[in-house]
Amino acid sequence: MFFGIVIYMYYDDHPPPHFHAQYDGNDCMFSLDGELIKGAMPPRALKLVKEWTELNQDELHKNWERSVSDMPLNWIKPLR
């Protein structure tokens, strides 16, 4: 969680690899590259999610692999 944005992944979720971000009642789905797949979010929050995604590419891909293998996810550092 950072700046009111909550990031999460579901275990054994469907392809393509993605994560979810929730902000102010908006629930969105993003590719692991930070592209918005589904939903809408205010521009500032969208920019923050994309920045966080760019900084955490390796961790996101590792967590996706862990999630589809039903393994506990690793904590990823928030933006500050």
PDB file of N, CA and C in Angstrom:
ATOM      1  N   MET A   1       0.846  -1.181   0.000  1.00  0.00           N
ATOM      2  CA  MET A   1       0.000   0.000   0.000  1.00  0.00           C
ATOM      3  C   MET A   1       0.889   1.242   0.000  1.00  0.00           C
ATOM      4  N   PHE A   2       0.547   2.215  -0.833  1.00  0.00           N
ATOM      5  CA  PHE A   2       1.262   3.484  -0.864  1.00  0.00           C
ATOM      6  C   PHE A   2       0.320   4.567  -1.394  1.00  0.00           C
ATOM      7  N   PHE A   3       0.354   5.709  -0.775  1.00  0.00           N
ATOM      8  CA  PHE A   3      -0.464   6.864  -1.167  1.00  0.00           C
ATOM      9  C   PHE A   3      -1.949   6.500  -1.331  1.00  0.00           C
ATOM     10  N   GLY A   4      -2.429   5.585  -0.479  1.00  0.00           N
ATOM     11  CA  GLY A   4      -3.828   5.180  -0.532  1.00  0.00           C
ATOM     12  C   GLY A   4      -4.150   4.143  -1.598  1.00  0.00           C
ATOM     13  N   ILE A   5      -3.136   3.684  -2.317  1.00  0.00           N
ATOM     14  CA  ILE A   5      -3.309   2.669  -3.366  1.00  0.00           C
ATOM     15  C   ILE A   5      -2.954   1.305  -2.775  1.00  0.00           C
ATOM     16  N   VAL A   6      -3.846   0.352  -2.920  1.00  0.00           N
ATOM     17  CA  VAL A   6      -3.615  -1.005  -2.426  1.00  0.00           C
ATOM     18  C   VAL A   6      -3.337  -1.900  -3.630  1.00  0.00           C
ATOM     19  N   ILE A   7      -2.222  -2.621  -3.581  1.00  0.00           N
ATOM     20  CA  ILE A   7      -1.811  -3.524  -4.654  1.00  0.00           C
ATOM     21  C   ILE A   7      -1.969  -4.954  -4.147  1.00  0.00           C
ATOM     22  N   TYR A   8      -2.516  -5.828  -4.981  1.00  0.00           N
ATOM     23  CA  TYR A   8      -2.646  -7.224  -4.567  1.00  0.00           C
ATOM     24  C   TYR A   8      -2.668  -8.158  -5.772  1.00  0.00           C
ATOM     25  N   MET A   9      -2.348  -9.434  -5.495  1.00  0.00           N
ATOM     26  CA  MET A   9      -2.433 -10.526  -6.468  1.00  0.00           C
ATOM     27  C   MET A   9      -3.268 -11.620  -5.833  1.00  0.00           C
ATOM     28  N   TYR A  10      -3.983 -12.346  -6.668  1.00  0.00           N
ATOM     29  CA  TYR A  10      -4.734 -13.507  -6.206  1.00  0.00           C
ATOM     30  C   TYR A  10      -3.928 -14.765  -6.488  1.00  0.00           C
ATOM     31  N   TYR A  11      -4.050 -15.739  -5.598  1.00  0.00           N
ATOM     32  CA  TYR A  11      -3.420 -17.033  -5.836  1.00  0.00           C
ATOM     33  C   TYR A  11      -4.121 -17.745  -6.981  1.00  0.00           C
ATOM     34  N   ASP A  12      -3.317 -18.420  -7.806  1.00  0.00           N
ATOM     35  CA  ASP A  12      -3.829 -19.231  -8.907  1.00  0.00           C
ATOM     36  C   ASP A  12      -4.786 -18.437  -9.802  1.00  0.00           C
ATOM     37  N   ASP A  13      -4.452 -17.179 -10.069  1.00  0.00           N
ATOM     38  CA  ASP A  13      -5.288 -16.305 -10.894  1.00  0.00           C
ATOM     39  C   ASP A  13      -5.098 -16.651 -12.372  1.00  0.00           C
ATOM     40  N   HIS A  14      -6.003 -16.168 -13.180  1.00  0.00           N
ATOM     41  CA  HIS A  14      -6.008 -16.449 -14.622  1.00  0.00           C
ATOM     42  C   HIS A  14      -4.943 -15.646 -15.350  1.00  0.00           C
ATOM     43  N   PRO A  15      -4.465 -16.160 -16.512  1.00  0.00           N
ATOM     44  CA  PRO A  15      -3.561 -15.384 -17.358  1.00  0.00           C
ATOM     45  C   PRO A  15      -4.321 -14.223 -17.997  1.00  0.00           C
ATOM     46  N   PRO A  16      -3.679 -13.217 -18.499  1.00  0.00           N
ATOM     47  CA  PRO A  16      -2.247 -12.996 -18.511  1.00  0.00           C
ATOM     48  C   PRO A  16      -1.751 -12.589 -17.124  1.00  0.00           C
ATOM     49  N   PRO A  17      -0.435 -12.680 -16.896  1.00  0.00           N
ATOM     50  CA  PRO A  17       0.115 -12.243 -15.608  1.00  0.00           C
ATOM     51  C   PRO A  17      -0.290 -10.797 -15.322  1.00  0.00           C
ATOM     52  N   HIS A  18      -0.792 -10.566 -14.113  1.00  0.00           N
ATOM     53  CA  HIS A  18      -1.290  -9.235 -13.771  1.00  0.00           C
ATOM     54  C   HIS A  18      -1.381  -9.064 -12.260  1.00  0.00           C
ATOM     55  N   PHE A  19      -1.655  -7.829 -11.855  1.00  0.00           N
ATOM     56  CA  PHE A  19      -1.946  -7.528 -10.458  1.00  0.00           C
ATOM     57  C   PHE A  19      -3.127  -6.572 -10.430  1.00  0.00           C
ATOM     58  N   HIS A  20      -3.677  -6.404  -9.272  1.00  0.00           N
ATOM     59  CA  HIS A  20      -4.818  -5.519  -9.078  1.00  0.00           C
ATOM     60  C   HIS A  20      -4.384  -4.322  -8.237  1.00  0.00           C
ATOM     61  N   ALA A  21      -4.992  -3.192  -8.506  1.00  0.00           N
ATOM     62  CA  ALA A  21      -4.749  -1.986  -7.720  1.00  0.00           C
ATOM     63  C   ALA A  21      -6.098  -1.364  -7.392  1.00  0.00           C
ATOM     64  N   GLN A  22      -6.254  -0.975  -6.155  1.00  0.00           N
ATOM     65  CA  GLN A  22      -7.499  -0.362  -5.716  1.00  0.00           C
ATOM     66  C   GLN A  22      -7.185   1.016  -5.138  1.00  0.00           C
ATOM     67  N   TYR A  23      -7.979   1.988  -5.556  1.00  0.00           N
ATOM     68  CA  TYR A  23      -7.796   3.349  -5.068  1.00  0.00           C
ATOM     69  C   TYR A  23      -9.131   4.076  -5.098  1.00  0.00           C
ATOM     70  N   ASP A  24      -9.529   4.587  -3.973  1.00  0.00           N
ATOM     71  CA  ASP A  24     -10.719   5.429  -3.875  1.00  0.00           C
ATOM     72  C   ASP A  24     -11.943   4.813  -4.570  1.00  0.00           C
ATOM     73  N   GLY A  25     -12.165   3.517  -4.316  1.00  0.00           N
ATOM     74  CA  GLY A  25     -13.321   2.842  -4.890  1.00  0.00           C
ATOM     75  C   GLY A  25     -13.120   2.327  -6.299  1.00  0.00           C
ATOM     76  N   ASN A  26     -11.972   2.591  -6.882  1.00  0.00           N
ATOM     77  CA  ASN A  26     -11.665   2.094  -8.229  1.00  0.00           C
ATOM     78  C   ASN A  26     -10.826   0.831  -8.117  1.00  0.00           C
ATOM     79  N   ASP A  27     -11.255  -0.236  -8.763  1.00  0.00           N
ATOM     80  CA  ASP A  27     -10.515  -1.498  -8.763  1.00  0.00           C
ATOM     81  C   ASP A  27     -10.057  -1.759 -10.189  1.00  0.00           C
ATOM     82  N   CYS A  28      -8.750  -1.824 -10.383  1.00  0.00           N
ATOM     83  CA  CYS A  28      -8.180  -1.965 -11.720  1.00  0.00           C
ATOM     84  C   CYS A  28      -7.288  -3.188 -11.803  1.00  0.00           C
ATOM     85  N   MET A  29      -7.081  -3.638 -13.024  1.00  0.00           N
ATOM     86  CA  MET A  29      -6.168  -4.733 -13.291  1.00  0.00           C
ATOM     87  C   MET A  29      -5.071  -4.198 -14.218  1.00  0.00           C
ATOM     88  N   PHE A  30      -3.809  -4.510 -13.877  1.00  0.00           N
ATOM     89  CA  PHE A  30      -2.656  -4.037 -14.624  1.00  0.00           C
ATOM     90  C   PHE A  30      -1.793  -5.213 -15.063  1.00  0.00           C
ATOM     91  N   SER A  31      -1.191  -5.101 -16.231  1.00  0.00           N
ATOM     92  CA  SER A  31      -0.186  -6.081 -16.636  1.00  0.00           C
ATOM     93  C   SER A  31       1.039  -5.887 -15.747  1.00  0.00           C
ATOM     94  N   LEU A  32       1.926  -6.857 -15.751  1.00  0.00           N
ATOM     95  CA  LEU A  32       3.139  -6.726 -14.946  1.00  0.00           C
ATOM     96  C   LEU A  32       4.083  -5.675 -15.514  1.00  0.00           C
ATOM     97  N   ASP A  33       3.755  -5.156 -16.699  1.00  0.00           N
ATOM     98  CA  ASP A  33       4.507  -4.048 -17.293  1.00  0.00           C
ATOM     99  C   ASP A  33       3.902  -2.692 -16.923  1.00  0.00           C
ATOM    100  N   GLY A  34       2.805  -2.707 -16.174  1.00  0.00           N
ATOM    101  CA  GLY A  34       2.184  -1.469 -15.721  1.00  0.00           C
ATOM    102  C   GLY A  34       1.104  -0.921 -16.625  1.00  0.00           C
ATOM    103  N   GLU A  35       0.729  -1.670 -17.662  1.00  0.00           N
ATOM    104  CA  GLU A  35      -0.335  -1.207 -18.554  1.00  0.00           C
ATOM    105  C   GLU A  35      -1.698  -1.544 -17.956  1.00  0.00           C
ATOM    106  N   LEU A  36      -2.597  -0.584 -17.991  1.00  0.00           N
ATOM    107  CA  LEU A  36      -3.948  -0.777 -17.485  1.00  0.00           C
ATOM    108  C   LEU A  36      -4.688  -1.744 -18.399  1.00  0.00           C
ATOM    109  N   ILE A  37      -5.184  -2.846 -17.835  1.00  0.00           N
ATOM    110  CA  ILE A  37      -5.926  -3.843 -18.598  1.00  0.00           C
ATOM    111  C   ILE A  37      -7.419  -3.630 -18.447  1.00  0.00           C
ATOM    112  N   LYS A  38      -7.836  -3.309 -17.233  1.00  0.00           N
ATOM    113  CA  LYS A  38      -9.261  -3.197 -16.939  1.00  0.00           C
ATOM    114  C   LYS A  38      -9.487  -2.190 -15.825  1.00  0.00           C
ATOM    115  N   GLY A  39     -10.541  -1.394 -15.964  1.00  0.00           N
ATOM    116  CA  GLY A  39     -10.901  -0.430 -14.927  1.00  0.00           C
ATOM    117  C   GLY A  39     -10.448   0.971 -15.263  1.00  0.00           C
ATOM    118  N   ALA A  40     -10.650   1.861 -14.327  1.00  0.00           N
ATOM    119  CA  ALA A  40     -10.262   3.268 -14.478  1.00  0.00           C
ATOM    120  C   ALA A  40      -9.761   3.779 -13.143  1.00  0.00           C
ATOM    121  N   MET A  41      -8.853   4.736 -13.214  1.00  0.00           N
ATOM    122  CA  MET A  41      -8.235   5.290 -12.021  1.00  0.00           C
ATOM    123  C   MET A  41      -7.859   6.736 -12.321  1.00  0.00           C
ATOM    124  N   PRO A  42      -7.926   7.615 -11.333  1.00  0.00           N
ATOM    125  CA  PRO A  42      -7.506   9.000 -11.576  1.00  0.00           C
ATOM    126  C   PRO A  42      -6.072   9.053 -12.118  1.00  0.00           C
ATOM    127  N   PRO A  43      -5.780  10.022 -12.965  1.00  0.00           N
ATOM    128  CA  PRO A  43      -4.463  10.098 -13.605  1.00  0.00           C
ATOM    129  C   PRO A  43      -3.281  10.081 -12.638  1.00  0.00           C
ATOM    130  N   ARG A  44      -3.376  10.792 -11.533  1.00  0.00           N
ATOM    131  CA  ARG A  44      -2.250  10.806 -10.581  1.00  0.00           C
ATOM    132  C   ARG A  44      -2.004   9.418  -9.998  1.00  0.00           C
ATOM    133  N   ALA A  45      -3.063   8.713  -9.602  1.00  0.00           N
ATOM    134  CA  ALA A  45      -2.920   7.365  -9.053  1.00  0.00           C
ATOM    135  C   ALA A  45      -2.386   6.418 -10.123  1.00  0.00           C
ATOM    136  N   LEU A  46      -2.856   6.563 -11.339  1.00  0.00           N
ATOM    137  CA  LEU A  46      -2.388   5.740 -12.453  1.00  0.00           C
ATOM    138  C   LEU A  46      -0.886   5.925 -12.663  1.00  0.00           C
ATOM    139  N   LYS A  47      -0.438   7.160 -12.613  1.00  0.00           N
ATOM    140  CA  LYS A  47       0.988   7.467 -12.772  1.00  0.00           C
ATOM    141  C   LYS A  47       1.813   6.818 -11.655  1.00  0.00           C
ATOM    142  N   LEU A  48       1.302   6.864 -10.422  1.00  0.00           N
ATOM    143  CA  LEU A  48       2.017   6.263  -9.293  1.00  0.00           C
ATOM    144  C   LEU A  48       2.105   4.741  -9.433  1.00  0.00           C
ATOM    145  N   VAL A  49       1.040   4.109  -9.871  1.00  0.00           N
ATOM    146  CA  VAL A  49       1.058   2.651 -10.072  1.00  0.00           C
ATOM    147  C   VAL A  49       2.073   2.292 -11.156  1.00  0.00           C
ATOM    148  N   LYS A  50       2.097   3.036 -12.239  1.00  0.00           N
ATOM    149  CA  LYS A  50       3.054   2.763 -13.317  1.00  0.00           C
ATOM    150  C   LYS A  50       4.490   2.953 -12.835  1.00  0.00           C
ATOM    151  N   GLU A  51       4.740   3.992 -12.052  1.00  0.00           N
ATOM    152  CA  GLU A  51       6.078   4.230 -11.520  1.00  0.00           C
ATOM    153  C   GLU A  51       6.501   3.074 -10.614  1.00  0.00           C
ATOM    154  N   TRP A  52       5.599   2.657  -9.719  1.00  0.00           N
ATOM    155  CA  TRP A  52       5.885   1.550  -8.808  1.00  0.00           C
ATOM    156  C   TRP A  52       6.168   0.268  -9.604  1.00  0.00           C
ATOM    157  N   THR A  53       5.390   0.029 -10.651  1.00  0.00           N
ATOM    158  CA  THR A  53       5.561  -1.163 -11.476  1.00  0.00           C
ATOM    159  C   THR A  53       6.937  -1.170 -12.139  1.00  0.00           C
ATOM    160  N   GLU A  54       7.343  -0.043 -12.681  1.00  0.00           N
ATOM    161  CA  GLU A  54       8.652   0.048 -13.334  1.00  0.00           C
ATOM    162  C   GLU A  54       9.791  -0.269 -12.369  1.00  0.00           C
ATOM    163  N   LEU A  55       9.643   0.174 -11.136  1.00  0.00           N
ATOM    164  CA  LEU A  55      10.679  -0.042 -10.131  1.00  0.00           C
ATOM    165  C   LEU A  55      10.717  -1.478  -9.611  1.00  0.00           C
ATOM    166  N   ASN A  56       9.654  -2.230  -9.823  1.00  0.00           N
ATOM    167  CA  ASN A  56       9.532  -3.548  -9.196  1.00  0.00           C
ATOM    168  C   ASN A  56       9.246  -4.672 -10.188  1.00  0.00           C
ATOM    169  N   GLN A  57       9.738  -4.557 -11.411  1.00  0.00           N
ATOM    170  CA  GLN A  57       9.494  -5.563 -12.438  1.00  0.00           C
ATOM    171  C   GLN A  57       9.881  -6.969 -11.991  1.00  0.00           C
ATOM    172  N   ASP A  58      11.104  -7.138 -11.512  1.00  0.00           N
ATOM    173  CA  ASP A  58      11.567  -8.471 -11.124  1.00  0.00           C
ATOM    174  C   ASP A  58      10.716  -9.061 -10.010  1.00  0.00           C
ATOM    175  N   GLU A  59      10.428  -8.252  -9.002  1.00  0.00           N
ATOM    176  CA  GLU A  59       9.642  -8.727  -7.869  1.00  0.00           C
ATOM    177  C   GLU A  59       8.228  -9.117  -8.288  1.00  0.00           C
ATOM    178  N   LEU A  60       7.631  -8.342  -9.182  1.00  0.00           N
ATOM    179  CA  LEU A  60       6.286  -8.662  -9.658  1.00  0.00           C
ATOM    180  C   LEU A  60       6.259  -9.984 -10.416  1.00  0.00           C
ATOM    181  N   HIS A  61       7.232 -10.189 -11.281  1.00  0.00           N
ATOM    182  CA  HIS A  61       7.277 -11.442 -12.038  1.00  0.00           C
ATOM    183  C   HIS A  61       7.513 -12.638 -11.111  1.00  0.00           C
ATOM    184  N   LYS A  62       8.385 -12.471 -10.135  1.00  0.00           N
ATOM    185  CA  LYS A  62       8.623 -13.556  -9.168  1.00  0.00           C
ATOM    186  C   LYS A  62       7.358 -13.838  -8.364  1.00  0.00           C
ATOM    187  N   ASN A  63       6.654 -12.808  -7.939  1.00  0.00           N
ATOM    188  CA  ASN A  63       5.428 -13.022  -7.171  1.00  0.00           C
ATOM    189  C   ASN A  63       4.340 -13.667  -8.015  1.00  0.00           C
ATOM    190  N   TRP A  64       4.270 -13.324  -9.305  1.00  0.00           N
ATOM    191  CA  TRP A  64       3.281 -13.981 -10.163  1.00  0.00           C
ATOM    192  C   TRP A  64       3.564 -15.486 -10.213  1.00  0.00           C
ATOM    193  N   GLU A  65       4.818 -15.845 -10.405  1.00  0.00           N
ATOM    194  CA  GLU A  65       5.184 -17.265 -10.435  1.00  0.00           C
ATOM    195  C   GLU A  65       4.867 -17.934  -9.105  1.00  0.00           C
ATOM    196  N   ARG A  66       5.111 -17.250  -8.012  1.00  0.00           N
ATOM    197  CA  ARG A  66       4.790 -17.794  -6.694  1.00  0.00           C
ATOM    198  C   ARG A  66       3.280 -17.959  -6.541  1.00  0.00           C
ATOM    199  N   SER A  67       2.507 -16.998  -7.028  1.00  0.00           N
ATOM    200  CA  SER A  67       1.048 -17.064  -6.851  1.00  0.00           C
ATOM    201  C   SER A  67       0.440 -18.231  -7.622  1.00  0.00           C
ATOM    202  N   VAL A  68       0.908 -18.472  -8.846  1.00  0.00           N
ATOM    203  CA  VAL A  68       0.345 -19.576  -9.621  1.00  0.00           C
ATOM    204  C   VAL A  68       0.815 -20.930  -9.096  1.00  0.00           C
ATOM    205  N   SER A  69       1.855 -20.923  -8.263  1.00  0.00           N
ATOM    206  CA  SER A  69       2.341 -22.153  -7.629  1.00  0.00           C
ATOM    207  C   SER A  69       1.805 -22.298  -6.210  1.00  0.00           C
ATOM    208  N   ASP A  70       0.860 -21.426  -5.828  1.00  0.00           N
ATOM    209  CA  ASP A  70       0.275 -21.436  -4.476  1.00  0.00           C
ATOM    210  C   ASP A  70       1.311 -21.264  -3.374  1.00  0.00           C
ATOM    211  N   MET A  71       2.320 -20.468  -3.654  1.00  0.00           N
ATOM    212  CA  MET A  71       3.351 -20.167  -2.654  1.00  0.00           C
ATOM    213  C   MET A  71       3.088 -18.784  -2.080  1.00  0.00           C
ATOM    214  N   PRO A  72       3.500 -18.549  -0.844  1.00  0.00           N
ATOM    215  CA  PRO A  72       3.322 -17.216  -0.255  1.00  0.00           C
ATOM    216  C   PRO A  72       4.058 -16.159  -1.084  1.00  0.00           C
ATOM    217  N   LEU A  73       3.441 -15.004  -1.203  1.00  0.00           N
ATOM    218  CA  LEU A  73       4.049 -13.911  -1.960  1.00  0.00           C
ATOM    219  C   LEU A  73       5.040 -13.151  -1.096  1.00  0.00           C
ATOM    220  N   ASN A  74       6.018 -12.576  -1.747  1.00  0.00           N
ATOM    221  CA  ASN A  74       6.982 -11.731  -1.059  1.00  0.00           C
ATOM    222  C   ASN A  74       6.461 -10.295  -1.018  1.00  0.00           C
ATOM    223  N   TRP A  75       6.771  -9.608   0.069  1.00  0.00           N
ATOM    224  CA  TRP A  75       6.387  -8.204   0.227  1.00  0.00           C
ATOM    225  C   TRP A  75       7.218  -7.378  -0.753  1.00  0.00           C
ATOM    226  N   ILE A  76       6.583  -6.404  -1.396  1.00  0.00           N
ATOM    227  CA  ILE A  76       7.270  -5.511  -2.323  1.00  0.00           C
ATOM    228  C   ILE A  76       7.235  -4.105  -1.740  1.00  0.00           C
ATOM    229  N   LYS A  77       8.378  -3.473  -1.739  1.00  0.00           N
ATOM    230  CA  LYS A  77       8.537  -2.142  -1.167  1.00  0.00           C
ATOM    231  C   LYS A  77       7.596  -1.127  -1.819  1.00  0.00           C
ATOM    232  N   PRO A  78       6.892  -0.325  -1.023  1.00  0.00           N
ATOM    233  CA  PRO A  78       5.991   0.696  -1.591  1.00  0.00           C
ATOM    234  C   PRO A  78       6.776   1.930  -2.068  1.00  0.00           C
ATOM    235  N   LEU A  79       6.091   2.774  -2.828  1.00  0.00           N
ATOM    236  CA  LEU A  79       6.676   4.084  -3.188  1.00  0.00           C
ATOM    237  C   LEU A  79       6.703   4.948  -1.939  1.00  0.00           C
ATOM    238  N   ARG A  80       7.635   5.834  -1.888  1.00  0.00           N
ATOM    239  CA  ARG A  80       7.733   6.780  -0.763  1.00  0.00           C
ATOM    240  C   ARG A  80       7.878   8.171  -1.285  1.00  0.00           C
TER     241      ARG A  80
END
